[in-house]
Amino acid sequence: MASNSTGQSDLALRYATAMFELALERDQLDQLARELADLRDLMAESADLARLVKSPVLSRTEQGAAMAAIVNRAGMSDLVQNLVGLMAQNRRLYALESSLIAFQTLVAEHRGEVSAEVTSATELKPAHLDAVKQALREIVGRDVALETTVDPSLIGGLIVKVGSRMIDSSLRTKLQNLELAMKGI
């Protein structure tokens, strides 16, 4: 079900489902969700880390050792260390980010929430996040778990993705539409 709503691959969904079931079995769902969100943030913040997980040049051993050091240094649980180690051993680290997204979707569904991705030009303040959550809650009729990212190229406004729906109210898009209209296209 998560693969249909997020567009994730079957491989990513399999890893996400395995993580989710292990976390439920060990009663560590909240902890694992926090740690995997932190790992996803690390990957988003570091271009070097993003290259490491997608590099076909590095061997399994090199990728595994580097990821083990990063996860260990971040103080993450054995469950996260084992997951990352298994994915490195199987040459599947390229699917790590997709697996983390699919995992967040499974957790949101388990909690009765809908996952939404919100991209803004600058970091949103808590009051703005609450307003976005409330507006989305009214639209979808359920609680909303927000995943936020910052993209300064938007100039202003937001891009909100909920399932297969996307609302783009960014200034970048509005300026592009205005440019196209002025060219008469």
N, C-alpha and C. Protein backbone atom coordinates (compact mmCIF):
# COMPACT_ATOMS: atom_id res chain seq x y z
N MET A 1 0.82 -1.19 0.00
CA MET A 1 0.00 0.00 0.00
C MET A 1 0.86 1.25 0.00
N ALA A 2 1.96 1.24 0.77
CA ALA A 2 2.81 2.41 0.82
C ALA A 2 3.48 2.67 -0.51
N SER A 3 3.77 1.61 -1.26
CA SER A 3 4.43 1.83 -2.54
C SER A 3 3.51 2.55 -3.51
N ASN A 4 2.22 2.32 -3.40
CA ASN A 4 1.30 3.02 -4.29
C ASN A 4 1.18 4.49 -3.94
N SER A 5 1.22 4.81 -2.66
CA SER A 5 1.01 6.19 -2.26
C SER A 5 2.28 7.01 -2.32
N THR A 6 3.44 6.37 -2.28
CA THR A 6 4.67 7.15 -2.28
C THR A 6 5.50 6.95 -3.53
N GLY A 7 5.15 5.99 -4.37
CA GLY A 7 5.91 5.75 -5.57
C GLY A 7 7.24 5.05 -5.30
N GLN A 8 7.38 4.46 -4.14
CA GLN A 8 8.63 3.80 -3.78
C GLN A 8 8.74 2.45 -4.47
N SER A 9 9.98 2.02 -4.64
CA SER A 9 10.22 0.73 -5.28
C SER A 9 9.86 -0.41 -4.34
N ASP A 10 9.68 -1.58 -4.92
CA ASP A 10 9.40 -2.76 -4.11
C ASP A 10 10.54 -3.07 -3.16
N LEU A 11 11.77 -2.85 -3.62
CA LEU A 11 12.95 -3.10 -2.78
C LEU A 11 12.93 -2.22 -1.54
N ALA A 12 12.71 -0.93 -1.72
CA ALA A 12 12.65 0.00 -0.60
C ALA A 12 11.52 -0.37 0.35
N LEU A 13 10.39 -0.75 -0.21
CA LEU A 13 9.24 -1.13 0.61
C LEU A 13 9.54 -2.39 1.42
N ARG A 14 10.26 -3.34 0.83
CA ARG A 14 10.61 -4.57 1.56
C ARG A 14 11.49 -4.25 2.76
N TYR A 15 12.52 -3.43 2.57
CA TYR A 15 13.38 -3.04 3.69
C TYR A 15 12.58 -2.25 4.74
N ALA A 16 11.75 -1.34 4.28
CA ALA A 16 10.95 -0.53 5.20
C ALA A 16 10.00 -1.40 6.02
N THR A 17 9.38 -2.36 5.37
CA THR A 17 8.44 -3.25 6.05
C THR A 17 9.18 -4.11 7.09
N ALA A 18 10.35 -4.59 6.73
CA ALA A 18 11.13 -5.39 7.67
C ALA A 18 11.52 -4.56 8.89
N MET A 19 11.96 -3.32 8.67
CA MET A 19 12.31 -2.42 9.79
C MET A 19 11.09 -2.16 10.66
N PHE A 20 9.97 -1.89 10.00
CA PHE A 20 8.74 -1.57 10.71
C PHE A 20 8.30 -2.75 11.59
N GLU A 21 8.30 -3.95 11.02
CA GLU A 21 7.87 -5.13 11.77
C GLU A 21 8.82 -5.44 12.94
N LEU A 22 10.13 -5.29 12.72
CA LEU A 22 11.09 -5.49 13.81
C LEU A 22 10.88 -4.47 14.92
N ALA A 23 10.66 -3.23 14.55
CA ALA A 23 10.45 -2.18 15.54
C ALA A 23 9.19 -2.45 16.35
N LEU A 24 8.11 -2.88 15.69
CA LEU A 24 6.88 -3.23 16.41
C LEU A 24 7.12 -4.40 17.35
N GLU A 25 7.80 -5.41 16.84
CA GLU A 25 8.07 -6.62 17.63
C GLU A 25 8.89 -6.30 18.88
N ARG A 26 9.83 -5.39 18.75
CA ARG A 26 10.71 -5.02 19.87
C ARG A 26 10.18 -3.83 20.67
N ASP A 27 9.02 -3.32 20.29
CA ASP A 27 8.41 -2.16 20.94
C ASP A 27 9.36 -0.95 20.92
N GLN A 28 9.97 -0.72 19.75
CA GLN A 28 10.91 0.37 19.57
C GLN A 28 10.53 1.27 18.39
N LEU A 29 9.25 1.32 18.07
CA LEU A 29 8.81 2.05 16.88
C LEU A 29 9.15 3.54 16.98
N ASP A 30 8.84 4.17 18.09
CA ASP A 30 9.10 5.61 18.22
C ASP A 30 10.59 5.90 18.15
N GLN A 31 11.40 5.10 18.84
CA GLN A 31 12.84 5.29 18.83
C GLN A 31 13.41 5.11 17.42
N LEU A 32 12.99 4.04 16.75
CA LEU A 32 13.49 3.78 15.40
C LEU A 32 13.05 4.88 14.44
N ALA A 33 11.82 5.34 14.57
CA ALA A 33 11.33 6.42 13.71
C ALA A 33 12.18 7.68 13.88
N ARG A 34 12.53 8.02 15.12
CA ARG A 34 13.38 9.19 15.37
C ARG A 34 14.77 9.00 14.77
N GLU A 35 15.35 7.83 15.00
CA GLU A 35 16.70 7.57 14.52
C GLU A 35 16.77 7.56 12.99
N LEU A 36 15.78 6.97 12.35
CA LEU A 36 15.79 6.93 10.89
C LEU A 36 15.50 8.31 10.30
N ALA A 37 14.71 9.11 10.98
CA ALA A 37 14.51 10.50 10.54
C ALA A 37 15.81 11.27 10.67
N ASP A 38 16.56 11.03 11.75
CA ASP A 38 17.86 11.67 11.92
C ASP A 38 18.83 11.24 10.83
N LEU A 39 18.81 9.96 10.48
CA LEU A 39 19.68 9.45 9.41
C LEU A 39 19.32 10.09 8.08
N ARG A 40 18.03 10.23 7.83
CA ARG A 40 17.59 10.87 6.58
C ARG A 40 18.02 12.34 6.55
N ASP A 41 17.94 13.02 7.71
CA ASP A 41 18.41 14.40 7.78
C ASP A 41 19.91 14.49 7.50
N LEU A 42 20.68 13.55 8.07
CA LEU A 42 22.12 13.52 7.82
C LEU A 42 22.40 13.37 6.33
N MET A 43 21.66 12.50 5.68
CA MET A 43 21.85 12.28 4.24
C MET A 43 21.48 13.52 3.44
N ALA A 44 20.46 14.22 3.88
CA ALA A 44 20.03 15.43 3.17
C ALA A 44 21.03 16.58 3.35
N GLU A 45 21.67 16.62 4.51
CA GLU A 45 22.59 17.72 4.82
C GLU A 45 23.98 17.51 4.24
N SER A 46 24.36 16.27 3.98
CA SER A 46 25.73 15.99 3.55
C SER A 46 25.76 15.40 2.14
N ALA A 47 26.31 16.17 1.23
CA ALA A 47 26.45 15.69 -0.14
C ALA A 47 27.42 14.51 -0.19
N ASP A 48 28.43 14.53 0.67
CA ASP A 48 29.40 13.42 0.71
C ASP A 48 28.73 12.12 1.13
N LEU A 49 27.85 12.20 2.12
CA LEU A 49 27.13 11.01 2.58
C LEU A 49 26.19 10.51 1.48
N ALA A 50 25.53 11.42 0.81
CA ALA A 50 24.64 11.03 -0.29
C ALA A 50 25.44 10.34 -1.40
N ARG A 51 26.63 10.83 -1.69
CA ARG A 51 27.48 10.18 -2.70
C ARG A 51 27.95 8.82 -2.21
N LEU A 52 28.26 8.70 -0.93
CA LEU A 52 28.73 7.43 -0.37
C LEU A 52 27.69 6.33 -0.56
N VAL A 53 26.44 6.62 -0.26
CA VAL A 53 25.42 5.57 -0.34
C VAL A 53 25.07 5.21 -1.78
N LYS A 54 25.34 6.10 -2.72
CA LYS A 54 24.98 5.82 -4.11
C LYS A 54 26.17 5.42 -4.97
N SER A 55 27.37 5.40 -4.39
CA SER A 55 28.58 5.16 -5.17
C SER A 55 28.73 3.69 -5.56
N PRO A 56 28.80 3.42 -6.87
CA PRO A 56 29.07 2.05 -7.32
C PRO A 56 30.57 1.74 -7.30
N VAL A 57 31.40 2.77 -7.08
CA VAL A 57 32.85 2.60 -7.11
C VAL A 57 33.37 1.97 -5.81
N LEU A 58 32.76 2.36 -4.69
CA LEU A 58 33.20 1.84 -3.40
C LEU A 58 32.76 0.39 -3.22
N SER A 59 33.60 -0.39 -2.56
CA SER A 59 33.26 -1.79 -2.32
C SER A 59 32.24 -1.90 -1.20
N ARG A 60 31.67 -3.08 -1.06
CA ARG A 60 30.71 -3.33 0.03
C ARG A 60 31.36 -3.06 1.38
N THR A 61 32.60 -3.52 1.50
CA THR A 61 33.32 -3.36 2.76
C THR A 61 33.56 -1.89 3.08
N GLU A 62 33.96 -1.12 2.07
CA GLU A 62 34.22 0.30 2.29
C GLU A 62 32.94 1.05 2.64
N GLN A 63 31.88 0.78 1.90
CA GLN A 63 30.60 1.42 2.22
C GLN A 63 30.11 1.02 3.60
N GLY A 64 30.21 -0.26 3.90
CA GLY A 64 29.75 -0.75 5.20
C GLY A 64 30.53 -0.14 6.35
N ALA A 65 31.84 -0.06 6.20
CA ALA A 65 32.68 0.51 7.27
C ALA A 65 32.39 1.99 7.47
N ALA A 66 32.25 2.71 6.37
CA ALA A 66 31.97 4.15 6.46
C ALA A 66 30.60 4.40 7.09
N MET A 67 29.60 3.65 6.66
CA MET A 67 28.26 3.84 7.22
C MET A 67 28.21 3.41 8.68
N ALA A 68 28.92 2.33 9.02
CA ALA A 68 28.95 1.89 10.42
C ALA A 68 29.55 2.97 11.31
N ALA A 69 30.60 3.62 10.83
CA ALA A 69 31.23 4.68 11.61
C ALA A 69 30.27 5.86 11.79
N ILE A 70 29.55 6.21 10.74
CA ILE A 70 28.62 7.34 10.81
C ILE A 70 27.47 7.03 11.77
N VAL A 71 26.88 5.85 11.62
CA VAL A 71 25.75 5.47 12.46
C VAL A 71 26.19 5.32 13.92
N ASN A 72 27.36 4.75 14.13
CA ASN A 72 27.89 4.59 15.49
C ASN A 72 28.17 5.95 16.12
N ARG A 73 28.77 6.84 15.35
CA ARG A 73 29.10 8.17 15.86
C ARG A 73 27.83 8.95 16.21
N ALA A 74 26.76 8.72 15.46
CA ALA A 74 25.49 9.39 15.73
C ALA A 74 24.77 8.78 16.92
N GLY A 75 25.29 7.67 17.46
CA GLY A 75 24.71 7.04 18.64
C GLY A 75 23.40 6.32 18.36
N MET A 76 23.27 5.78 17.17
CA MET A 76 22.03 5.09 16.81
C MET A 76 22.04 3.65 17.31
N SER A 77 20.86 3.08 17.42
CA SER A 77 20.67 1.76 18.00
C SER A 77 21.26 0.65 17.13
N ASP A 78 21.35 -0.54 17.72
CA ASP A 78 21.84 -1.71 17.00
C ASP A 78 20.94 -2.03 15.81
N LEU A 79 19.66 -1.76 15.95
CA LEU A 79 18.72 -2.04 14.87
C LEU A 79 19.07 -1.23 13.61
N VAL A 80 19.40 0.04 13.79
CA VAL A 80 19.79 0.89 12.66
C VAL A 80 21.14 0.43 12.12
N GLN A 81 22.07 0.12 13.02
CA GLN A 81 23.39 -0.35 12.58
C GLN A 81 23.27 -1.63 11.77
N ASN A 82 22.43 -2.56 12.23
CA ASN A 82 22.24 -3.82 11.51
C ASN A 82 21.59 -3.59 10.14
N LEU A 83 20.61 -2.71 10.10
CA LEU A 83 19.94 -2.39 8.83
C LEU A 83 20.94 -1.84 7.82
N VAL A 84 21.69 -0.83 8.23
CA VAL A 84 22.64 -0.19 7.32
C VAL A 84 23.72 -1.19 6.91
N GLY A 85 24.17 -1.99 7.86
CA GLY A 85 25.17 -3.01 7.55
C GLY A 85 24.66 -4.03 6.54
N LEU A 86 23.42 -4.47 6.72
CA LEU A 86 22.83 -5.44 5.79
C LEU A 86 22.67 -4.84 4.40
N MET A 87 22.21 -3.59 4.34
CA MET A 87 22.04 -2.95 3.04
C MET A 87 23.39 -2.76 2.34
N ALA A 88 24.43 -2.43 3.09
CA ALA A 88 25.77 -2.28 2.50
C ALA A 88 26.28 -3.64 2.02
N GLN A 89 26.09 -4.67 2.83
CA GLN A 89 26.54 -6.01 2.47
C GLN A 89 25.86 -6.50 1.20
N ASN A 90 24.59 -6.17 1.03
CA ASN A 90 23.82 -6.60 -0.14
C ASN A 90 23.92 -5.63 -1.32
N ARG A 91 24.78 -4.60 -1.19
CA ARG A 91 24.92 -3.57 -2.23
C ARG A 91 23.59 -2.88 -2.51
N ARG A 92 22.86 -2.55 -1.45
CA ARG A 92 21.55 -1.93 -1.59
C ARG A 92 21.47 -0.55 -0.93
N LEU A 93 22.63 0.02 -0.58
CA LEU A 93 22.60 1.33 0.07
C LEU A 93 21.96 2.40 -0.82
N TYR A 94 21.99 2.21 -2.12
CA TYR A 94 21.37 3.18 -3.03
C TYR A 94 19.87 3.31 -2.73
N ALA A 95 19.29 2.29 -2.12
CA ALA A 95 17.86 2.31 -1.80
C ALA A 95 17.58 2.78 -0.37
N LEU A 96 18.61 3.21 0.34
CA LEU A 96 18.44 3.59 1.75
C LEU A 96 17.47 4.76 1.90
N GLU A 97 17.66 5.82 1.13
CA GLU A 97 16.78 6.98 1.28
C GLU A 97 15.32 6.62 0.97
N SER A 98 15.11 5.86 -0.09
CA SER A 98 13.74 5.44 -0.44
C SER A 98 13.15 4.56 0.66
N SER A 99 13.99 3.73 1.27
CA SER A 99 13.53 2.86 2.37
C SER A 99 13.13 3.70 3.57
N LEU A 100 13.89 4.75 3.84
CA LEU A 100 13.58 5.62 4.99
C LEU A 100 12.26 6.35 4.76
N ILE A 101 12.03 6.79 3.54
CA ILE A 101 10.77 7.46 3.21
C ILE A 101 9.60 6.49 3.33
N ALA A 102 9.78 5.27 2.81
CA ALA A 102 8.72 4.25 2.90
C ALA A 102 8.45 3.89 4.36
N PHE A 103 9.50 3.82 5.18
CA PHE A 103 9.33 3.52 6.60
C PHE A 103 8.49 4.61 7.27
N GLN A 104 8.80 5.88 6.98
CA GLN A 104 8.03 6.97 7.57
C GLN A 104 6.56 6.90 7.17
N THR A 105 6.30 6.48 5.95
CA THR A 105 4.92 6.33 5.48
C THR A 105 4.22 5.22 6.25
N LEU A 106 4.91 4.10 6.47
CA LEU A 106 4.32 3.00 7.23
C LEU A 106 4.02 3.41 8.66
N VAL A 107 4.93 4.16 9.28
CA VAL A 107 4.71 4.63 10.65
C VAL A 107 3.52 5.57 10.70
N ALA A 108 3.43 6.48 9.74
CA ALA A 108 2.31 7.42 9.71
C ALA A 108 0.98 6.68 9.55
N GLU A 109 0.95 5.70 8.66
CA GLU A 109 -0.28 4.91 8.47
C GLU A 109 -0.64 4.15 9.74
N HIS A 110 0.37 3.61 10.42
CA HIS A 110 0.14 2.88 11.66
C HIS A 110 -0.47 3.79 12.73
N ARG A 111 -0.05 5.04 12.74
CA ARG A 111 -0.54 6.00 13.72
C ARG A 111 -1.84 6.68 13.29
N GLY A 112 -2.33 6.32 12.11
CA GLY A 112 -3.56 6.93 11.61
C GLY A 112 -3.33 8.31 11.01
N GLU A 113 -2.10 8.57 10.60
CA GLU A 113 -1.76 9.86 10.02
C GLU A 113 -1.55 9.70 8.51
N VAL A 114 -1.51 10.83 7.86
CA VAL A 114 -1.15 10.90 6.45
C VAL A 114 0.20 11.59 6.38
N SER A 115 1.11 11.07 5.59
CA SER A 115 2.41 11.71 5.42
C SER A 115 2.31 12.83 4.39
N ALA A 116 2.97 13.93 4.68
CA ALA A 116 3.02 15.04 3.74
C ALA A 116 4.43 15.60 3.72
N GLU A 117 4.90 15.93 2.53
CA GLU A 117 6.20 16.56 2.38
C GLU A 117 5.97 18.04 2.10
N VAL A 118 6.62 18.90 2.88
CA VAL A 118 6.49 20.33 2.71
C VAL A 118 7.88 20.90 2.43
N THR A 119 8.00 21.55 1.28
CA THR A 119 9.26 22.19 0.91
C THR A 119 9.03 23.69 0.92
N SER A 120 9.92 24.39 1.62
CA SER A 120 9.80 25.85 1.72
C SER A 120 11.13 26.50 1.38
N ALA A 121 11.09 27.80 1.13
CA ALA A 121 12.31 28.53 0.77
C ALA A 121 13.20 28.75 1.99
N THR A 122 12.59 28.86 3.16
CA THR A 122 13.34 29.03 4.41
C THR A 122 12.75 28.10 5.47
N GLU A 123 13.47 27.94 6.55
CA GLU A 123 13.01 27.10 7.66
C GLU A 123 11.69 27.65 8.20
N LEU A 124 10.69 26.79 8.34
CA LEU A 124 9.39 27.22 8.83
C LEU A 124 9.39 27.28 10.36
N LYS A 125 8.76 28.31 10.89
CA LYS A 125 8.64 28.45 12.34
C LYS A 125 7.56 27.49 12.83
N PRO A 126 7.62 27.12 14.12
CA PRO A 126 6.61 26.19 14.66
C PRO A 126 5.17 26.64 14.43
N ALA A 127 4.91 27.93 14.53
CA ALA A 127 3.55 28.42 14.31
C ALA A 127 3.11 28.18 12.87
N HIS A 128 4.03 28.35 11.92
CA HIS A 128 3.70 28.11 10.51
C HIS A 128 3.49 26.63 10.25
N LEU A 129 4.31 25.79 10.87
CA LEU A 129 4.14 24.34 10.73
C LEU A 129 2.78 23.91 11.25
N ASP A 130 2.40 24.47 12.40
CA ASP A 130 1.08 24.14 12.97
C ASP A 130 -0.04 24.57 12.03
N ALA A 131 0.10 25.74 11.41
CA ALA A 131 -0.92 26.23 10.49
C ALA A 131 -1.02 25.32 9.26
N VAL A 132 0.13 24.87 8.75
CA VAL A 132 0.12 23.97 7.59
C VAL A 132 -0.52 22.64 7.98
N LYS A 133 -0.16 22.11 9.17
CA LYS A 133 -0.76 20.85 9.64
C LYS A 133 -2.27 20.97 9.75
N GLN A 134 -2.72 22.07 10.33
CA GLN A 134 -4.15 22.28 10.52
C GLN A 134 -4.87 22.37 9.18
N ALA A 135 -4.31 23.11 8.23
CA ALA A 135 -4.93 23.24 6.92
C ALA A 135 -4.98 21.89 6.21
N LEU A 136 -3.91 21.11 6.28
CA LEU A 136 -3.89 19.80 5.65
C LEU A 136 -4.85 18.83 6.34
N ARG A 137 -4.95 18.94 7.67
CA ARG A 137 -5.88 18.09 8.42
C ARG A 137 -7.31 18.33 7.95
N GLU A 138 -7.65 19.59 7.69
CA GLU A 138 -8.99 19.92 7.22
C GLU A 138 -9.22 19.39 5.81
N ILE A 139 -8.18 19.38 4.98
CA ILE A 139 -8.32 18.91 3.60
C ILE A 139 -8.44 17.39 3.54
N VAL A 140 -7.54 16.68 4.25
CA VAL A 140 -7.52 15.22 4.14
C VAL A 140 -8.38 14.52 5.18
N GLY A 141 -8.78 15.23 6.23
CA GLY A 141 -9.66 14.65 7.23
C GLY A 141 -8.97 13.73 8.24
N ARG A 142 -7.65 13.76 8.29
CA ARG A 142 -6.88 12.94 9.25
C ARG A 142 -5.69 13.75 9.74
N ASP A 143 -5.06 13.28 10.81
CA ASP A 143 -3.84 13.92 11.27
C ASP A 143 -2.77 13.79 10.21
N VAL A 144 -1.85 14.75 10.19
CA VAL A 144 -0.82 14.80 9.16
C VAL A 144 0.56 14.80 9.80
N ALA A 145 1.43 13.91 9.32
CA ALA A 145 2.83 13.89 9.74
C ALA A 145 3.63 14.63 8.67
N LEU A 146 4.27 15.73 9.06
CA LEU A 146 4.99 16.55 8.10
C LEU A 146 6.46 16.18 8.03
N GLU A 147 6.97 16.13 6.83
CA GLU A 147 8.40 15.98 6.56
C GLU A 147 8.79 17.27 5.85
N THR A 148 9.64 18.07 6.48
CA THR A 148 9.96 19.38 5.92
C THR A 148 11.36 19.39 5.32
N THR A 149 11.50 20.12 4.23
CA THR A 149 12.79 20.37 3.61
C THR A 149 12.85 21.83 3.21
N VAL A 150 14.08 22.32 3.05
CA VAL A 150 14.29 23.71 2.65
C VAL A 150 14.95 23.72 1.29
N ASP A 151 14.40 24.53 0.38
CA ASP A 151 14.96 24.71 -0.96
C ASP A 151 14.94 26.21 -1.27
N PRO A 152 16.07 26.89 -1.06
CA PRO A 152 16.10 28.34 -1.27
C PRO A 152 15.74 28.77 -2.68
N SER A 153 15.85 27.88 -3.67
CA SER A 153 15.53 28.25 -5.04
C SER A 153 14.04 28.51 -5.24
N LEU A 154 13.20 28.15 -4.27
CA LEU A 154 11.77 28.42 -4.37
C LEU A 154 11.46 29.91 -4.25
N ILE A 155 12.37 30.68 -3.68
CA ILE A 155 12.26 32.11 -3.44
C ILE A 155 11.26 32.40 -2.32
N GLY A 156 10.10 31.82 -2.36
CA GLY A 156 9.07 31.99 -1.34
C GLY A 156 7.95 31.01 -1.60
N GLY A 157 7.02 30.90 -0.66
CA GLY A 157 5.90 29.98 -0.82
C GLY A 157 6.26 28.57 -0.43
N LEU A 158 5.38 27.63 -0.77
CA LEU A 158 5.53 26.23 -0.37
C LEU A 158 5.22 25.29 -1.52
N ILE A 159 5.79 24.09 -1.42
CA ILE A 159 5.36 22.97 -2.24
C ILE A 159 4.95 21.89 -1.26
N VAL A 160 3.70 21.44 -1.35
CA VAL A 160 3.17 20.44 -0.43
C VAL A 160 2.79 19.20 -1.23
N LYS A 161 3.29 18.05 -0.81
CA LYS A 161 2.95 16.78 -1.46
C LYS A 161 2.27 15.89 -0.44
N VAL A 162 1.07 15.45 -0.76
CA VAL A 162 0.33 14.51 0.07
C VAL A 162 -0.09 13.37 -0.84
N GLY A 163 0.54 12.22 -0.64
CA GLY A 163 0.26 11.09 -1.52
C GLY A 163 0.65 11.44 -2.95
N SER A 164 -0.29 11.30 -3.86
CA SER A 164 0.00 11.61 -5.27
C SER A 164 -0.38 13.05 -5.62
N ARG A 165 -0.89 13.79 -4.67
CA ARG A 165 -1.28 15.18 -4.92
C ARG A 165 -0.14 16.13 -4.56
N MET A 166 0.00 17.19 -5.37
CA MET A 166 1.01 18.20 -5.10
C MET A 166 0.41 19.58 -5.29
N ILE A 167 0.69 20.44 -4.32
CA ILE A 167 0.24 21.83 -4.38
C ILE A 167 1.51 22.68 -4.43
N ASP A 168 1.71 23.40 -5.52
CA ASP A 168 2.91 24.21 -5.69
C ASP A 168 2.52 25.67 -5.68
N SER A 169 2.78 26.35 -4.59
CA SER A 169 2.49 27.78 -4.49
C SER A 169 3.78 28.57 -4.34
N SER A 170 4.87 28.03 -4.89
CA SER A 170 6.16 28.70 -4.77
C SER A 170 6.24 29.88 -5.74
N LEU A 171 7.02 30.88 -5.34
CA LEU A 171 7.21 32.04 -6.21
C LEU A 171 7.97 31.65 -7.47
N ARG A 172 8.87 30.69 -7.35
CA ARG A 172 9.62 30.24 -8.53
C ARG A 172 8.66 29.76 -9.63
N THR A 173 7.70 28.93 -9.24
CA THR A 173 6.73 28.41 -10.22
C THR A 173 5.84 29.52 -10.75
N LYS A 174 5.41 30.42 -9.89
CA LYS A 174 4.57 31.52 -10.34
C LYS A 174 5.31 32.42 -11.33
N LEU A 175 6.60 32.65 -11.07
CA LEU A 175 7.40 33.46 -11.99
C LEU A 175 7.60 32.74 -13.32
N GLN A 176 7.81 31.43 -13.25
CA GLN A 176 7.96 30.65 -14.49
C GLN A 176 6.66 30.70 -15.31
N ASN A 177 5.52 30.57 -14.64
CA ASN A 177 4.22 30.64 -15.34
C ASN A 177 4.00 32.02 -15.95
N LEU A 178 4.40 33.05 -15.21
CA LEU A 178 4.26 34.41 -15.72
C LEU A 178 5.15 34.61 -16.94
N GLU A 179 6.37 34.09 -16.88
CA GLU A 179 7.29 34.19 -18.02
C GLU A 179 6.71 33.51 -19.26
N LEU A 180 6.13 32.33 -19.07
CA LEU A 180 5.53 31.61 -20.18
C LEU A 180 4.33 32.38 -20.75
N ALA A 181 3.53 32.97 -19.87
CA ALA A 181 2.36 33.74 -20.31
C ALA A 181 2.79 34.97 -21.10
N MET A 182 3.88 35.60 -20.66
CA MET A 182 4.37 36.81 -21.34
C MET A 182 4.96 36.49 -22.71
N LYS A 183 5.48 35.27 -22.86
CA LYS A 183 6.03 34.86 -24.15
C LYS A 183 4.92 34.45 -25.11
N GLY A 184 3.71 34.29 -24.57
CA GLY A 184 2.57 33.92 -25.39
C GLY A 184 2.49 32.45 -25.70
N ILE A 185 3.11 31.66 -24.87
CA ILE A 185 3.09 30.19 -25.08
C ILE A 185 1.92 29.60 -24.36
